[in-house]
Amino acid sequence: QVQLAESGGGLVQPGGSLRLSCAASGNFFSLYAVGWYRQAPGKQRELVAALTSGERANYADSVKGRFTISREDAKKMVYLQMNSLKPEDTAVYYCNAKHDYNLRVYWGQGTQVTVSS
């Protein structure tokens, strides 16, 4: 069982930066792939960035070169560094963890990111 709690969202101007954090509880966190998803009003939830337990990363085309996902397993933390933010990045951002073997998936409650002048 894993519980996830996001933080770091807020209001930022276009071109600005934010760093989202996701704190995890539970054991064997290193056996989970982790990811960040987002959901804008009226749209489906979409993958933003993912990082396997072996630290292979993949990104949505819309954020490549601007966002960076990272993890610190010893601290049970996942981060999303977001640079050069655009209004279309406005959404609720969710942290996600998926066990490598039993494939159970866990979600956080989400944190709002608003990019606006």
C-alpha atoms as a PDB file:
ATOM      1  CA  GLN A   1       0.000   0.000   0.000  1.00  0.00           C
ATOM      2  CA  VAL A   2       1.278   3.437  -0.962  1.00  0.00           C
ATOM      3  CA  GLN A   3      -0.158   6.834  -0.137  1.00  0.00           C
ATOM      4  CA  LEU A   4       0.842   9.844  -2.194  1.00  0.00           C
ATOM      5  CA  ALA A   5       0.612  13.538  -1.332  1.00  0.00           C
ATOM      6  CA  GLU A   6       1.396  16.279  -3.826  1.00  0.00           C
ATOM      7  CA  SER A   7       2.508  19.811  -3.028  1.00  0.00           C
ATOM      8  CA  GLY A   8       4.016  22.803  -4.765  1.00  0.00           C
ATOM      9  CA  GLY A   9       1.205  23.898  -7.028  1.00  0.00           C
ATOM     10  CA  GLY A  10       0.079  27.481  -7.358  1.00  0.00           C
ATOM     11  CA  LEU A  11      -0.321  30.475  -9.622  1.00  0.00           C
ATOM     12  CA  VAL A  12       2.578  31.400 -11.872  1.00  0.00           C
ATOM     13  CA  GLN A  13       3.016  33.772 -14.803  1.00  0.00           C
ATOM     14  CA  PRO A  14       3.706  32.473 -18.299  1.00  0.00           C
ATOM     15  CA  GLY A  15       7.406  31.698 -18.657  1.00  0.00           C
ATOM     16  CA  GLY A  16       7.765  31.000 -14.971  1.00  0.00           C
ATOM     17  CA  SER A  17       8.730  27.858 -13.102  1.00  0.00           C
ATOM     18  CA  LEU A  18       7.280  25.601 -10.442  1.00  0.00           C
ATOM     19  CA  ARG A  19       8.517  22.477  -8.736  1.00  0.00           C
ATOM     20  CA  LEU A  20       5.943  19.903  -7.731  1.00  0.00           C
ATOM     21  CA  SER A  21       6.723  17.388  -5.017  1.00  0.00           C
ATOM     22  CA  CYS A  22       5.083  14.077  -4.218  1.00  0.00           C
ATOM     23  CA  ALA A  23       5.681  12.447  -0.842  1.00  0.00           C
ATOM     24  CA  ALA A  24       5.041   8.719  -0.638  1.00  0.00           C
ATOM     25  CA  SER A  25       4.430   6.453   2.318  1.00  0.00           C
ATOM     26  CA  GLY A  26       4.747   2.689   2.434  1.00  0.00           C
ATOM     27  CA  ASN A  27       7.516   0.183   1.872  1.00  0.00           C
ATOM     28  CA  PHE A  28       9.697  -0.761  -1.075  1.00  0.00           C
ATOM     29  CA  PHE A  29       9.112   2.501  -2.907  1.00  0.00           C
ATOM     30  CA  SER A  30      12.027   1.708  -5.223  1.00  0.00           C
ATOM     31  CA  LEU A  31       9.898  -1.075  -6.775  1.00  0.00           C
ATOM     32  CA  TYR A  32       7.382   1.418  -8.136  1.00  0.00           C
ATOM     33  CA  ALA A  33       7.335   3.255 -11.419  1.00  0.00           C
ATOM     34  CA  VAL A  34       6.191   6.815 -10.793  1.00  0.00           C
ATOM     35  CA  GLY A  35       4.594   9.475 -12.901  1.00  0.00           C
ATOM     36  CA  TRP A  36       2.853  12.809 -13.106  1.00  0.00           C
ATOM     37  CA  TYR A  37      -0.470  13.213 -14.844  1.00  0.00           C
ATOM     38  CA  ARG A  38      -2.626  16.276 -15.331  1.00  0.00           C
ATOM     39  CA  GLN A  39      -6.255  17.019 -15.980  1.00  0.00           C
ATOM     40  CA  ALA A  40      -7.510  20.322 -17.313  1.00  0.00           C
ATOM     41  CA  PRO A  41     -11.179  21.329 -17.053  1.00  0.00           C
ATOM     42  CA  GLY A  42     -13.270  19.445 -19.589  1.00  0.00           C
ATOM     43  CA  LYS A  43     -10.364  17.245 -20.658  1.00  0.00           C
ATOM     44  CA  GLN A  44      -9.233  13.725 -19.912  1.00  0.00           C
ATOM     45  CA  ARG A  45      -6.379  13.032 -17.567  1.00  0.00           C
ATOM     46  CA  GLU A  46      -3.133  12.755 -19.506  1.00  0.00           C
ATOM     47  CA  LEU A  47       0.375  11.545 -18.814  1.00  0.00           C
ATOM     48  CA  VAL A  48       2.898  14.334 -18.375  1.00  0.00           C
ATOM     49  CA  ALA A  49       6.023  12.430 -17.373  1.00  0.00           C
ATOM     50  CA  ALA A  50       6.915   8.971 -16.093  1.00  0.00           C
ATOM     51  CA  LEU A  51       9.992   7.422 -14.514  1.00  0.00           C
ATOM     52  CA  THR A  52      10.544   3.692 -14.143  1.00  0.00           C
ATOM     53  CA  SER A  53      12.136   2.084 -11.111  1.00  0.00           C
ATOM     54  CA  GLY A  54      15.228   1.847 -13.318  1.00  0.00           C
ATOM     55  CA  GLU A  55      15.025   5.619 -13.891  1.00  0.00           C
ATOM     56  CA  ARG A  56      14.080   5.590 -17.538  1.00  0.00           C
ATOM     57  CA  ALA A  57      12.025   8.692 -18.220  1.00  0.00           C
ATOM     58  CA  ASN A  58       9.478   9.540 -20.855  1.00  0.00           C
ATOM     59  CA  TYR A  59       7.566  12.741 -21.425  1.00  0.00           C
ATOM     60  CA  ALA A  60       4.536  13.984 -23.257  1.00  0.00           C
ATOM     61  CA  ASP A  61       5.575  15.797 -26.430  1.00  0.00           C
ATOM     62  CA  SER A  62       3.990  18.988 -25.130  1.00  0.00           C
ATOM     63  CA  VAL A  63       6.395  19.198 -22.164  1.00  0.00           C
ATOM     64  CA  LYS A  64       9.632  17.790 -23.585  1.00  0.00           C
ATOM     65  CA  GLY A  65      12.527  20.110 -22.934  1.00  0.00           C
ATOM     66  CA  ARG A  66      10.556  22.071 -20.335  1.00  0.00           C
ATOM     67  CA  PHE A  67       9.669  19.556 -17.602  1.00  0.00           C
ATOM     68  CA  THR A  68      11.924  17.150 -15.723  1.00  0.00           C
ATOM     69  CA  ILE A  69      10.795  14.254 -13.546  1.00  0.00           C
ATOM     70  CA  SER A  70      13.057  12.893 -10.825  1.00  0.00           C
ATOM     71  CA  ARG A  71      12.888  10.692  -7.744  1.00  0.00           C
ATOM     72  CA  GLU A  72      14.697  10.206  -4.457  1.00  0.00           C
ATOM     73  CA  ASP A  73      13.867   6.698  -3.288  1.00  0.00           C
ATOM     74  CA  ALA A  74      15.627   7.090   0.055  1.00  0.00           C
ATOM     75  CA  LYS A  75      13.259   9.964   0.861  1.00  0.00           C
ATOM     76  CA  LYS A  76      10.290   8.415  -0.967  1.00  0.00           C
ATOM     77  CA  MET A  77       9.916  11.578  -3.016  1.00  0.00           C
ATOM     78  CA  VAL A  78       9.037  12.315  -6.630  1.00  0.00           C
ATOM     79  CA  TYR A  79       9.502  15.712  -8.236  1.00  0.00           C
ATOM     80  CA  LEU A  80       8.389  17.504 -11.360  1.00  0.00           C
ATOM     81  CA  GLN A  81      10.416  20.561 -12.294  1.00  0.00           C
ATOM     82  CA  MET A  82       8.379  22.695 -14.665  1.00  0.00           C
ATOM     83  CA  ASN A  83      10.056  25.509 -16.580  1.00  0.00           C
ATOM     84  CA  SER A  84       8.864  27.878 -19.299  1.00  0.00           C
ATOM     85  CA  LEU A  85       5.292  27.349 -18.211  1.00  0.00           C
ATOM     86  CA  LYS A  86       2.482  28.116 -20.619  1.00  0.00           C
ATOM     87  CA  PRO A  87      -1.211  28.848 -20.012  1.00  0.00           C
ATOM     88  CA  GLU A  88      -2.022  25.477 -21.558  1.00  0.00           C
ATOM     89  CA  ASP A  89      -0.124  23.798 -18.711  1.00  0.00           C
ATOM     90  CA  THR A  90      -2.927  24.883 -16.370  1.00  0.00           C
ATOM     91  CA  ALA A  91      -4.420  21.777 -14.792  1.00  0.00           C
ATOM     92  CA  VAL A  92      -4.654  19.691 -11.670  1.00  0.00           C
ATOM     93  CA  TYR A  93      -1.472  17.637 -11.453  1.00  0.00           C
ATOM     94  CA  TYR A  94      -1.564  14.146  -9.957  1.00  0.00           C
ATOM     95  CA  CYS A  95       1.225  11.937  -8.712  1.00  0.00           C
ATOM     96  CA  ASN A  96       0.997   8.256  -9.622  1.00  0.00           C
ATOM     97  CA  ALA A  97       2.819   5.104  -8.551  1.00  0.00           C
ATOM     98  CA  LYS A  98       2.567   1.645 -10.092  1.00  0.00           C
ATOM     99  CA  HIS A  99       4.140  -1.464  -8.561  1.00  0.00           C
ATOM    100  CA  ASP A 100       6.525  -3.220 -10.905  1.00  0.00           C
ATOM    101  CA  TYR A 101       5.231  -6.715 -10.083  1.00  0.00           C
ATOM    102  CA  ASN A 102       1.649  -6.671  -8.838  1.00  0.00           C
ATOM    103  CA  LEU A 103       0.839  -3.652 -11.071  1.00  0.00           C
ATOM    104  CA  ARG A 104      -1.268  -1.945  -8.406  1.00  0.00           C
ATOM    105  CA  VAL A 105      -1.719   1.735  -9.103  1.00  0.00           C
ATOM    106  CA  TYR A 106      -1.973   4.530  -6.555  1.00  0.00           C
ATOM    107  CA  TRP A 107      -2.908   8.193  -6.970  1.00  0.00           C
ATOM    108  CA  GLY A 108      -2.488  11.341  -4.971  1.00  0.00           C
ATOM    109  CA  GLN A 109      -5.212  13.922  -4.432  1.00  0.00           C
ATOM    110  CA  GLY A 110      -3.769  16.394  -6.920  1.00  0.00           C
ATOM    111  CA  THR A 111      -2.385  19.918  -6.803  1.00  0.00           C
ATOM    112  CA  GLN A 112      -3.627  22.840  -8.881  1.00  0.00           C
ATOM    113  CA  VAL A 113      -1.251  24.605 -11.250  1.00  0.00           C
ATOM    114  CA  THR A 114      -2.491  27.802 -12.873  1.00  0.00           C
ATOM    115  CA  VAL A 115      -0.425  29.638 -15.465  1.00  0.00           C
ATOM    116  CA  SER A 116      -1.811  33.089 -16.057  1.00  0.00           C
ATOM    117  CA  SER A 117      -0.768  36.707 -16.253  1.00  0.00           C
END
